[in-house]
Amino acid sequence: MSSLTYRDAGVDIDAGDALVDRIKPFAKRTMRPEVLGGIGGFGALFEISKKFREPVLVSGTDGVGTKLKLAFQLNKHDTVGQDLVAMSVNDILVQGAEPLFFLDYFACGKLDVDTAATVVQGIARGCELSGCALIGGETAEMPSMYPDGEYDLAGFAVGAVEKSQIIDGSTIRPGDVVLGLASSGAHSNGYSLIRKIIEVSQPNLDGDFHGRPLRDVIMEPTRIYVKSLLALMEKRAGLVKGMAHITGGGLLDNVPRVLAENLTAVLKKDAWEMPYLFQWLQGAGNVDAQEMYRVFNCGIGMVVIVAPEDAEMAAAQLRATGETVCTLGTIEARAEGQAQTVVI
């Protein structure tokens, strides 16, 4: 019997080394001064900035879900990396945290260096958009664990916020205004239903869809709200009373996460125009309106709650930093048995 190698067992160490070399330039562009050392060590070192007096660390982890299945089907891997970063950094942002660093986990059966490098380049792009360092990660090649051409992703973000400036929704009162920030598309949620609608309706994914190929509209990466919302929060402590990242559970299940039990958010469905992608999904899948609001962001990727006297200024500030903003509705005292978010 000839001498066996790891390559014979399906793991190519040289490919892993090649990937590390390919991604180093991407990661380098995301570095912050607090990073100590570079890519390749056993652990990543990060020094908390002296600008924080009482820093509280905020962490988040997430994946991309079944949007990856469409990435495999369409052989389109350049956007899911940004999705991965967005899902975690937008989550920790809602508590007032500035994202500091990010780590990724890429797992596959057989490592395709070109595909993996494309994915990590997207991760680096997401880190640049959120101002956090891609400080490290893990690439796992596990033969027979995944079908050929498929992989899985997980991401981990850590941020910091001053203890006195943590945003937890505790100052939200009846009469406060709910602002909605436009999404870039379906982001990374509801893709099991999207895939089912595609399966049933059989659209031409390469066909024109309001000026763009449908495949590009469906795979549009998740918008990252970090820089615009950090700029708003820096205007005045306490200005932003609460935020909700509209992810799995849509508008109906995410807004209540920042509300006290005695409050409800009343959103007006005519306050924004549902983007055509969601109109098409609703029609092609014959999806009930309430189901749409519970599964998809329906065009609103982030909700920001402010006092009524601050609403106009906050909206103007957000628009100046590139966001599309609408006044979604208001916070009201919750009636007995009433849902904590209603769309009327």
Protein backbone atom coordinates (compact mmCIF):
# COMPACT_ATOMS: atom_id res chain seq x y z
CA MET A 1 0.00 0.00 0.00
CA SER A 2 1.40 3.37 -0.99
CA SER A 3 1.81 6.14 1.56
CA LEU A 4 -1.42 8.07 2.01
CA THR A 5 -1.57 11.87 2.20
CA TYR A 6 -4.14 14.38 3.37
CA ARG A 7 -4.72 15.19 -0.31
CA ASP A 8 -5.63 11.53 -0.90
CA ALA A 9 -8.28 11.95 1.82
CA GLY A 10 -9.70 14.99 0.04
CA VAL A 11 -8.02 17.89 1.87
CA ASP A 12 -5.65 20.13 -0.07
CA ILE A 13 -3.42 22.03 2.36
CA ASP A 14 -1.75 23.87 -0.52
CA ALA A 15 -5.13 25.20 -1.68
CA GLY A 16 -5.79 26.49 1.83
CA ASP A 17 -2.43 28.25 1.88
CA ALA A 18 -3.15 29.73 -1.55
CA LEU A 19 -6.47 31.09 -0.30
CA VAL A 20 -4.81 32.78 2.68
CA ASP A 21 -2.37 34.47 0.31
CA ARG A 22 -5.23 35.58 -1.96
CA ILE A 23 -7.29 37.14 0.83
CA LYS A 24 -4.53 38.98 2.67
CA PRO A 25 -4.80 42.10 0.43
CA PHE A 26 -8.59 42.21 0.96
CA ALA A 27 -8.21 41.97 4.72
CA LYS A 28 -5.45 44.56 4.80
CA ARG A 29 -7.81 47.21 3.43
CA THR A 30 -10.11 46.74 6.43
CA MET A 31 -7.50 47.18 9.16
CA ARG A 32 -8.03 49.58 12.05
CA PRO A 33 -5.27 51.01 14.27
CA GLU A 34 -6.46 48.86 17.19
CA VAL A 35 -5.54 45.64 15.36
CA LEU A 36 -2.34 44.09 16.70
CA GLY A 37 -0.73 41.67 14.26
CA GLY A 38 -2.07 40.37 10.96
CA ILE A 39 -3.86 37.46 9.32
CA GLY A 40 -2.40 34.02 10.00
CA GLY A 41 -1.93 33.81 13.75
CA PHE A 42 -3.73 31.39 16.03
CA GLY A 43 -5.74 34.23 17.54
CA ALA A 44 -6.54 37.79 16.53
CA LEU A 45 -5.49 40.63 18.83
CA PHE A 46 -7.49 43.84 19.15
CA GLU A 47 -6.92 46.69 21.59
CA ILE A 48 -9.97 48.63 22.78
CA SER A 49 -9.64 52.27 21.73
CA LYS A 50 -8.91 54.81 24.46
CA LYS A 51 -11.82 56.92 23.19
CA PHE A 52 -14.16 54.66 25.19
CA ARG A 53 -14.38 55.49 28.90
CA GLU A 54 -16.64 52.60 29.92
CA PRO A 55 -16.71 50.30 26.90
CA VAL A 56 -19.31 47.56 26.71
CA LEU A 57 -18.65 44.88 24.11
CA VAL A 58 -21.58 43.85 21.91
CA SER A 59 -21.34 40.68 19.84
CA GLY A 60 -23.41 39.09 17.12
CA THR A 61 -23.30 36.06 14.87
CA ASP A 62 -25.32 35.03 11.84
CA GLY A 63 -25.21 33.35 8.46
CA VAL A 64 -26.73 33.99 5.06
CA GLY A 65 -29.38 31.27 5.12
CA THR A 66 -30.75 29.68 1.98
CA LYS A 67 -29.74 32.66 -0.12
CA LEU A 68 -26.60 30.54 -0.50
CA LYS A 69 -28.62 27.96 -2.45
CA LEU A 70 -29.36 30.60 -5.07
CA ALA A 71 -25.70 31.61 -5.11
CA PHE A 72 -24.82 28.01 -5.98
CA GLN A 73 -27.61 27.74 -8.54
CA LEU A 74 -26.66 31.00 -10.25
CA ASN A 75 -22.89 30.56 -9.76
CA LYS A 76 -22.88 34.07 -8.25
CA HIS A 77 -20.61 34.36 -5.22
CA ASP A 78 -19.61 38.03 -5.19
CA THR A 79 -22.44 39.37 -3.00
CA VAL A 80 -23.03 36.83 -0.21
CA GLY A 81 -19.90 37.96 1.64
CA GLN A 82 -21.38 41.43 2.14
CA ASP A 83 -24.63 39.77 3.23
CA LEU A 84 -22.71 37.85 5.87
CA VAL A 85 -21.14 40.97 7.37
CA ALA A 86 -24.35 43.00 7.17
CA MET A 87 -26.43 40.52 9.12
CA SER A 88 -24.15 40.77 12.15
CA VAL A 89 -23.01 44.40 12.07
CA ASN A 90 -26.54 45.74 11.54
CA ASP A 91 -27.67 43.64 14.51
CA ILE A 92 -25.09 44.98 16.96
CA LEU A 93 -25.58 48.50 15.62
CA VAL A 94 -29.14 48.67 16.98
CA GLN A 95 -27.80 48.72 20.54
CA GLY A 96 -25.60 51.66 19.68
CA ALA A 97 -22.42 49.65 19.07
CA GLU A 98 -19.68 50.64 16.66
CA PRO A 99 -18.51 47.45 14.91
CA LEU A 100 -14.83 46.87 15.66
CA PHE A 101 -13.90 43.57 14.08
CA PHE A 102 -15.32 40.62 12.18
CA LEU A 103 -14.41 36.95 11.78
CA ASP A 104 -15.73 34.55 9.17
CA TYR A 105 -16.13 30.79 8.93
CA PHE A 106 -16.11 29.23 5.44
CA ALA A 107 -16.82 25.49 5.28
CA CYS A 108 -16.85 23.30 2.18
CA GLY A 109 -16.32 19.75 0.98
CA LYS A 110 -13.60 20.62 -1.52
CA LEU A 111 -11.96 24.03 -1.51
CA ASP A 112 -12.29 26.01 -4.73
CA VAL A 113 -9.80 28.83 -4.21
CA ASP A 114 -11.38 31.15 -6.79
CA THR A 115 -14.89 30.81 -5.32
CA ALA A 116 -13.68 31.17 -1.75
CA ALA A 117 -11.57 34.21 -2.62
CA THR A 118 -14.59 35.83 -4.31
CA VAL A 119 -16.70 35.25 -1.20
CA VAL A 120 -14.02 36.64 1.12
CA GLN A 121 -13.56 39.67 -1.12
CA GLY A 122 -17.27 40.36 -0.54
CA ILE A 123 -16.75 39.94 3.19
CA ALA A 124 -13.92 42.47 3.08
CA ARG A 125 -16.16 44.85 1.14
CA GLY A 126 -18.81 44.56 3.87
CA CYS A 127 -16.19 45.24 6.52
CA GLU A 128 -15.04 48.36 4.66
CA LEU A 129 -18.64 49.60 4.43
CA SER A 130 -19.09 49.12 8.18
CA GLY A 131 -15.65 50.37 9.22
CA CYS A 132 -14.69 47.16 11.00
CA ALA A 133 -11.56 45.06 10.62
CA LEU A 134 -11.61 41.62 9.02
CA ILE A 135 -9.36 40.34 11.76
CA GLY A 136 -9.41 36.61 11.08
CA GLY A 137 -11.44 33.56 10.19
CA GLU A 138 -11.46 29.87 9.49
CA THR A 139 -11.56 27.89 6.28
CA ALA A 140 -12.63 24.29 6.79
CA GLU A 141 -12.30 21.73 4.00
CA MET A 142 -14.31 18.67 5.00
CA PRO A 143 -14.66 15.99 2.32
CA SER A 144 -18.14 14.41 2.03
CA MET A 145 -19.69 16.95 4.41
CA TYR A 146 -21.05 19.18 1.61
CA PRO A 147 -22.13 18.50 -1.99
CA ASP A 148 -19.66 19.48 -4.71
CA GLY A 149 -19.70 23.22 -5.38
CA GLU A 150 -21.48 24.08 -2.13
CA TYR A 151 -20.24 25.76 1.03
CA ASP A 152 -21.58 27.28 4.24
CA LEU A 153 -20.85 30.63 5.85
CA ALA A 154 -21.02 32.01 9.37
CA GLY A 155 -19.93 35.41 10.60
CA PHE A 156 -19.08 36.90 13.97
CA ALA A 157 -18.95 40.62 14.77
CA VAL A 158 -17.82 42.43 17.90
CA GLY A 159 -18.49 46.10 18.59
CA ALA A 160 -18.33 48.51 21.48
CA VAL A 161 -20.59 51.15 22.97
CA GLU A 162 -20.23 53.50 25.92
CA LYS A 163 -22.15 52.01 28.83
CA SER A 164 -24.08 55.27 29.27
CA GLN A 165 -25.12 55.27 25.60
CA ILE A 166 -26.48 51.76 25.18
CA ILE A 167 -29.71 51.90 23.16
CA ASP A 168 -32.29 49.51 24.63
CA GLY A 169 -35.62 51.14 23.84
CA SER A 170 -36.29 52.06 27.48
CA THR A 171 -36.90 55.75 26.64
CA ILE A 172 -39.49 55.07 23.92
CA ARG A 173 -42.85 56.70 24.69
CA PRO A 174 -46.28 57.03 23.00
CA GLY A 175 -46.09 59.72 20.34
CA ASP A 176 -42.55 58.88 19.26
CA VAL A 177 -41.98 58.68 15.53
CA VAL A 178 -40.97 55.54 13.63
CA LEU A 179 -38.64 56.21 10.70
CA GLY A 180 -37.98 53.59 8.05
CA LEU A 181 -34.71 53.25 6.13
CA ALA A 182 -35.00 51.67 2.70
CA SER A 183 -33.60 48.21 2.11
CA SER A 184 -31.56 47.27 -0.95
CA GLY A 185 -33.80 44.27 -1.64
CA ALA A 186 -34.74 41.11 0.22
CA HIS A 187 -31.44 41.29 2.12
CA SER A 188 -30.81 37.79 3.54
CA ASN A 189 -34.22 36.74 4.80
CA GLY A 190 -37.18 34.88 3.39
CA TYR A 191 -35.14 33.05 0.77
CA SER A 192 -36.75 29.68 1.40
CA LEU A 193 -40.03 31.29 0.31
CA ILE A 194 -38.32 33.18 -2.54
CA ARG A 195 -36.84 29.92 -3.83
CA LYS A 196 -40.26 28.26 -3.60
CA ILE A 197 -41.84 31.12 -5.57
CA ILE A 198 -39.12 30.80 -8.22
CA GLU A 199 -39.71 27.05 -8.37
CA VAL A 200 -43.46 27.52 -8.83
CA SER A 201 -43.44 30.50 -11.21
CA GLN A 202 -40.33 29.55 -13.26
CA PRO A 203 -39.28 33.12 -14.19
CA ASN A 204 -36.40 33.85 -16.54
CA LEU A 205 -33.74 34.78 -13.99
CA ASP A 206 -31.62 36.36 -16.72
CA GLY A 207 -34.55 38.33 -18.10
CA ASP A 208 -35.11 42.06 -17.69
CA PHE A 209 -36.66 43.01 -14.37
CA HIS A 210 -37.26 46.75 -14.36
CA GLY A 211 -33.92 47.48 -16.01
CA ARG A 212 -31.82 44.76 -14.37
CA PRO A 213 -31.56 40.98 -14.66
CA LEU A 214 -33.85 39.34 -12.10
CA ARG A 215 -30.94 37.28 -10.78
CA ASP A 216 -29.09 40.48 -9.81
CA VAL A 217 -32.15 41.96 -8.11
CA ILE A 218 -32.70 38.80 -6.07
CA MET A 219 -29.01 38.54 -5.12
CA GLU A 220 -28.54 42.25 -4.31
CA PRO A 221 -26.46 42.33 -1.11
CA THR A 222 -27.85 43.48 2.23
CA ARG A 223 -27.52 47.20 2.86
CA ILE A 224 -25.16 48.14 5.70
CA TYR A 225 -26.47 51.04 7.80
CA VAL A 226 -23.52 51.43 10.15
CA LYS A 227 -21.86 54.66 9.06
CA SER A 228 -25.06 56.67 8.54
CA LEU A 229 -26.58 55.60 11.86
CA LEU A 230 -23.37 56.09 13.84
CA ALA A 231 -23.25 59.62 12.44
CA LEU A 232 -26.84 60.20 13.58
CA MET A 233 -26.14 58.84 17.07
CA GLU A 234 -23.13 61.14 17.38
CA LYS A 235 -25.37 64.18 16.92
CA ARG A 236 -26.65 63.87 20.47
CA ALA A 237 -26.72 61.24 23.18
CA GLY A 238 -30.23 59.85 23.50
CA LEU A 239 -31.38 61.18 20.12
CA VAL A 240 -32.01 57.66 18.84
CA LYS A 241 -34.39 55.94 21.26
CA GLY A 242 -34.54 52.57 19.57
CA MET A 243 -33.67 50.72 16.39
CA ALA A 244 -34.76 47.45 14.84
CA HIS A 245 -32.90 45.58 12.11
CA ILE A 246 -35.61 44.05 9.91
CA THR A 247 -34.41 40.48 9.44
CA GLY A 248 -36.15 37.12 9.84
CA GLY A 249 -39.64 37.83 11.10
CA GLY A 250 -40.01 40.95 8.96
CA LEU A 251 -41.57 44.15 10.25
CA LEU A 252 -44.10 42.42 12.46
CA ASP A 253 -41.68 40.43 14.60
CA ASN A 254 -38.60 42.66 14.74
CA VAL A 255 -39.95 46.07 15.77
CA PRO A 256 -41.45 44.65 19.02
CA ARG A 257 -37.97 43.56 20.10
CA VAL A 258 -37.21 47.17 21.10
CA LEU A 259 -40.61 48.01 22.61
CA ALA A 260 -41.82 47.72 26.20
CA GLU A 261 -44.83 45.45 26.70
CA ASN A 262 -47.21 48.43 27.02
CA LEU A 263 -46.31 49.93 23.62
CA THR A 264 -47.17 49.19 20.03
CA ALA A 265 -45.87 50.52 16.72
CA VAL A 266 -48.59 51.55 14.30
CA LEU A 267 -47.16 51.60 10.79
CA LYS A 268 -48.96 53.04 7.77
CA LYS A 269 -48.71 50.84 4.68
CA ASP A 270 -49.08 53.88 2.40
CA ALA A 271 -46.05 55.55 4.05
CA TRP A 272 -43.75 53.82 1.59
CA GLU A 273 -44.05 52.16 -1.78
CA MET A 274 -43.28 48.46 -1.60
CA PRO A 275 -40.44 47.86 -4.11
CA TYR A 276 -41.38 45.97 -7.24
CA LEU A 277 -39.43 42.88 -6.16
CA PHE A 278 -41.81 42.38 -3.25
CA GLN A 279 -44.85 43.18 -5.37
CA TRP A 280 -43.71 40.47 -7.80
CA LEU A 281 -43.05 37.97 -4.99
CA GLN A 282 -46.48 38.62 -3.51
CA GLY A 283 -48.21 38.19 -6.86
CA ALA A 284 -46.19 35.26 -8.17
CA GLY A 285 -46.53 33.39 -4.89
CA ASN A 286 -50.06 34.53 -4.03
CA VAL A 287 -48.69 35.54 -0.63
CA ASP A 288 -51.04 37.12 1.91
CA ALA A 289 -50.19 40.71 2.90
CA GLN A 290 -49.67 39.86 6.58
CA GLU A 291 -47.40 36.99 5.59
CA MET A 292 -45.36 39.42 3.48
CA TYR A 293 -44.88 41.73 6.48
CA ARG A 294 -43.87 38.80 8.67
CA VAL A 295 -41.42 37.15 6.25
CA PHE A 296 -39.83 40.01 4.29
CA ASN A 297 -38.56 43.51 5.03
CA CYS A 298 -40.89 44.70 2.23
CA GLY A 299 -38.50 47.54 1.40
CA ILE A 300 -37.66 48.69 4.97
CA GLY A 301 -34.32 47.35 6.20
CA MET A 302 -33.96 49.34 9.42
CA VAL A 303 -36.36 51.12 11.75
CA VAL A 304 -35.29 54.11 13.86
CA ILE A 305 -37.45 55.54 16.66
CA VAL A 306 -37.02 59.16 17.76
CA ALA A 307 -38.98 61.83 19.63
CA PRO A 308 -41.47 63.73 17.46
CA GLU A 309 -39.51 66.98 17.79
CA ASP A 310 -36.39 65.23 16.44
CA ALA A 311 -37.98 63.37 13.54
CA GLU A 312 -37.47 65.97 10.83
CA MET A 313 -33.84 66.62 11.78
CA ALA A 314 -33.04 62.91 12.06
CA ALA A 315 -34.58 62.16 8.67
CA ALA A 316 -32.64 65.02 7.06
CA GLN A 317 -29.39 63.82 8.64
CA LEU A 318 -29.94 60.28 7.41
CA ARG A 319 -30.77 61.47 3.90
CA ALA A 320 -27.59 63.56 3.88
CA THR A 321 -25.58 60.40 4.55
CA GLY A 322 -27.19 58.49 1.68
CA GLU A 323 -30.24 56.83 3.20
CA THR A 324 -33.73 56.82 1.74
CA VAL A 325 -36.03 57.63 4.67
CA CYS A 326 -39.77 57.63 5.23
CA THR A 327 -41.99 58.28 8.24
CA LEU A 328 -43.48 54.84 8.84
CA GLY A 329 -45.76 55.63 11.74
CA THR A 330 -45.88 56.29 15.45
CA ILE A 331 -45.62 54.59 18.82
CA GLU A 332 -48.90 54.26 20.71
CA ALA A 333 -50.06 52.89 24.04
CA ARG A 334 -50.88 49.24 23.53
CA ALA A 335 -54.47 48.13 23.87
CA GLU A 336 -55.25 44.83 25.57
CA GLY A 337 -54.66 41.97 23.13
CA GLN A 338 -53.19 44.27 20.48
CA ALA A 339 -50.12 43.15 18.53
CA GLN A 340 -46.96 45.13 19.22
CA THR A 341 -46.60 46.04 15.56
CA VAL A 342 -49.51 46.59 13.23
CA VAL A 343 -49.50 47.69 9.61
CA ILE A 344 -52.68 49.51 8.64
